[in-house]
Amino acid sequence: MLILRPAYVAGRVGKVFAKEVLSGDYPSERWLIRVDSEDIVVSLNSKEFEVVNDDFEIS
């Protein structure tokens, strides 16, 4: 997937790591994304990334 925001990781590619879960096992509307070019995981809402296929074409 292509990360759109926040600025410090925008334009990078990542993979969905997991759905974010809040304390008390309450599901969040955010996704944990592992950034491929960094050793970090970011929490993003669905408007902050776009799913791309293996050819990096936006689908």
N, C-alpha and C. Protein backbone atom coordinates (compact mmCIF):
# COMPACT_ATOMS: atom_id res chain seq x y z
N MET A 1 0.82 -1.17 0.00
CA MET A 1 0.00 0.00 0.00
C MET A 1 0.86 1.23 0.00
N LEU A 2 0.34 2.29 -0.55
CA LEU A 2 1.05 3.56 -0.63
C LEU A 2 0.57 4.46 0.50
N ILE A 3 1.48 4.96 1.28
CA ILE A 3 1.14 5.82 2.41
C ILE A 3 1.03 7.26 1.92
N LEU A 4 -0.09 7.90 2.22
CA LEU A 4 -0.35 9.26 1.78
C LEU A 4 -0.01 10.29 2.87
N ARG A 5 -0.27 9.98 4.11
CA ARG A 5 -0.03 10.86 5.25
C ARG A 5 0.33 10.01 6.44
N PRO A 6 1.00 10.52 7.41
CA PRO A 6 1.55 11.86 7.62
C PRO A 6 2.81 12.10 6.78
N ALA A 7 3.23 13.34 6.75
CA ALA A 7 4.31 13.77 5.86
C ALA A 7 5.61 12.99 6.03
N TYR A 8 5.94 12.61 7.26
CA TYR A 8 7.24 11.94 7.48
C TYR A 8 7.32 10.54 6.89
N VAL A 9 6.20 9.95 6.47
CA VAL A 9 6.23 8.65 5.79
C VAL A 9 5.46 8.68 4.46
N ALA A 10 4.96 9.84 4.05
CA ALA A 10 4.19 9.95 2.81
C ALA A 10 5.04 9.54 1.62
N GLY A 11 4.43 8.80 0.70
CA GLY A 11 5.13 8.34 -0.49
C GLY A 11 5.83 7.00 -0.31
N ARG A 12 5.91 6.52 0.89
CA ARG A 12 6.55 5.23 1.13
C ARG A 12 5.53 4.11 1.00
N VAL A 13 6.04 2.90 0.84
CA VAL A 13 5.20 1.72 0.70
C VAL A 13 5.24 0.95 2.02
N GLY A 14 4.10 0.38 2.39
CA GLY A 14 4.03 -0.40 3.61
C GLY A 14 3.10 -1.59 3.46
N LYS A 15 3.01 -2.37 4.51
CA LYS A 15 2.13 -3.53 4.54
C LYS A 15 1.28 -3.46 5.81
N VAL A 16 0.03 -3.90 5.69
CA VAL A 16 -0.84 -3.94 6.85
C VAL A 16 -0.27 -4.96 7.83
N PHE A 17 -0.05 -4.50 9.05
CA PHE A 17 0.48 -5.36 10.11
C PHE A 17 -0.68 -5.96 10.90
N ALA A 18 -1.68 -5.11 11.25
CA ALA A 18 -2.84 -5.56 12.02
C ALA A 18 -3.84 -4.42 12.15
N LYS A 19 -5.05 -4.76 12.52
CA LYS A 19 -6.05 -3.75 12.88
C LYS A 19 -5.71 -3.28 14.29
N GLU A 20 -5.73 -1.98 14.51
CA GLU A 20 -5.41 -1.45 15.83
C GLU A 20 -6.50 -1.83 16.82
N VAL A 21 -6.08 -2.26 18.01
CA VAL A 21 -7.01 -2.63 19.08
C VAL A 21 -6.68 -1.77 20.29
N LEU A 22 -7.70 -1.13 20.82
CA LEU A 22 -7.53 -0.26 21.99
C LEU A 22 -7.57 -1.08 23.27
N SER A 23 -7.23 -0.45 24.39
CA SER A 23 -7.28 -1.16 25.66
C SER A 23 -8.68 -1.69 25.90
N GLY A 24 -8.77 -2.82 26.54
CA GLY A 24 -10.05 -3.46 26.75
C GLY A 24 -10.52 -4.24 25.54
N ASP A 25 -9.61 -4.47 24.58
CA ASP A 25 -9.89 -5.22 23.34
C ASP A 25 -10.96 -4.57 22.47
N TYR A 26 -11.08 -3.24 22.54
CA TYR A 26 -12.01 -2.52 21.68
C TYR A 26 -11.34 -2.23 20.34
N PRO A 27 -11.99 -2.63 19.23
CA PRO A 27 -11.38 -2.38 17.92
C PRO A 27 -11.38 -0.88 17.59
N SER A 28 -10.35 -0.47 16.91
CA SER A 28 -10.20 0.91 16.47
C SER A 28 -10.55 0.98 14.99
N GLU A 29 -10.72 2.17 14.47
CA GLU A 29 -10.94 2.37 13.04
C GLU A 29 -9.60 2.57 12.32
N ARG A 30 -8.50 2.36 13.01
CA ARG A 30 -7.18 2.59 12.45
C ARG A 30 -6.47 1.27 12.18
N TRP A 31 -5.47 1.34 11.30
CA TRP A 31 -4.68 0.17 10.91
C TRP A 31 -3.22 0.40 11.28
N LEU A 32 -2.55 -0.65 11.71
CA LEU A 32 -1.12 -0.60 11.97
C LEU A 32 -0.41 -1.00 10.69
N ILE A 33 0.42 -0.11 10.19
CA ILE A 33 1.11 -0.31 8.91
C ILE A 33 2.61 -0.35 9.15
N ARG A 34 3.26 -1.42 8.70
CA ARG A 34 4.72 -1.52 8.79
C ARG A 34 5.30 -0.88 7.54
N VAL A 35 6.12 0.16 7.73
CA VAL A 35 6.73 0.89 6.62
C VAL A 35 7.93 0.09 6.13
N ASP A 36 7.93 -0.27 4.83
CA ASP A 36 8.96 -1.14 4.27
C ASP A 36 10.37 -0.56 4.39
N SER A 37 10.54 0.73 4.13
CA SER A 37 11.88 1.32 4.09
C SER A 37 12.38 1.78 5.46
N GLU A 38 11.58 1.64 6.48
CA GLU A 38 11.94 2.07 7.83
C GLU A 38 11.68 0.92 8.79
N ASP A 39 12.24 1.00 9.95
CA ASP A 39 11.95 0.00 10.97
C ASP A 39 10.92 0.56 11.93
N ILE A 40 9.74 0.95 11.36
CA ILE A 40 8.69 1.54 12.18
C ILE A 40 7.32 1.00 11.76
N VAL A 41 6.39 1.11 12.70
CA VAL A 41 4.99 0.81 12.45
C VAL A 41 4.22 2.08 12.77
N VAL A 42 3.32 2.48 11.87
CA VAL A 42 2.51 3.67 12.07
C VAL A 42 1.04 3.29 12.16
N SER A 43 0.27 4.08 12.87
CA SER A 43 -1.17 3.89 12.99
C SER A 43 -1.85 4.88 12.05
N LEU A 44 -2.58 4.35 11.06
CA LEU A 44 -3.20 5.20 10.04
C LEU A 44 -4.68 4.90 9.92
N ASN A 45 -5.45 5.95 9.60
CA ASN A 45 -6.85 5.69 9.26
C ASN A 45 -6.92 5.42 7.76
N SER A 46 -8.07 4.98 7.29
CA SER A 46 -8.17 4.52 5.90
C SER A 46 -7.99 5.64 4.87
N LYS A 47 -8.06 6.89 5.27
CA LYS A 47 -7.84 8.00 4.34
C LYS A 47 -6.36 8.38 4.22
N GLU A 48 -5.51 7.75 5.01
CA GLU A 48 -4.09 8.09 5.01
C GLU A 48 -3.24 7.12 4.19
N PHE A 49 -3.88 6.14 3.54
CA PHE A 49 -3.15 5.22 2.67
C PHE A 49 -4.07 4.75 1.56
N GLU A 50 -3.46 4.23 0.48
CA GLU A 50 -4.20 3.64 -0.63
C GLU A 50 -3.64 2.26 -0.92
N VAL A 51 -4.52 1.34 -1.21
CA VAL A 51 -4.10 -0.01 -1.55
C VAL A 51 -3.61 0.00 -2.98
N VAL A 52 -2.46 -0.64 -3.20
CA VAL A 52 -1.89 -0.76 -4.54
C VAL A 52 -1.63 -2.23 -4.83
N ASN A 53 -1.58 -2.57 -6.12
CA ASN A 53 -1.27 -3.95 -6.47
C ASN A 53 0.25 -4.13 -6.56
N ASP A 54 0.68 -5.32 -6.92
CA ASP A 54 2.11 -5.62 -6.97
C ASP A 54 2.88 -4.77 -7.98
N ASP A 55 2.18 -4.22 -8.99
CA ASP A 55 2.84 -3.37 -9.98
C ASP A 55 2.85 -1.91 -9.55
N PHE A 56 2.40 -1.63 -8.34
CA PHE A 56 2.32 -0.29 -7.77
C PHE A 56 1.39 0.63 -8.56
N GLU A 57 0.36 0.04 -9.16
CA GLU A 57 -0.70 0.83 -9.79
C GLU A 57 -1.81 0.98 -8.76
N ILE A 58 -2.29 2.19 -8.59
CA ILE A 58 -3.36 2.41 -7.63
C ILE A 58 -4.60 1.69 -8.12
N SER A 59 -5.19 0.87 -7.23
CA SER A 59 -6.37 0.09 -7.62
C SER A 59 -7.62 0.65 -6.98
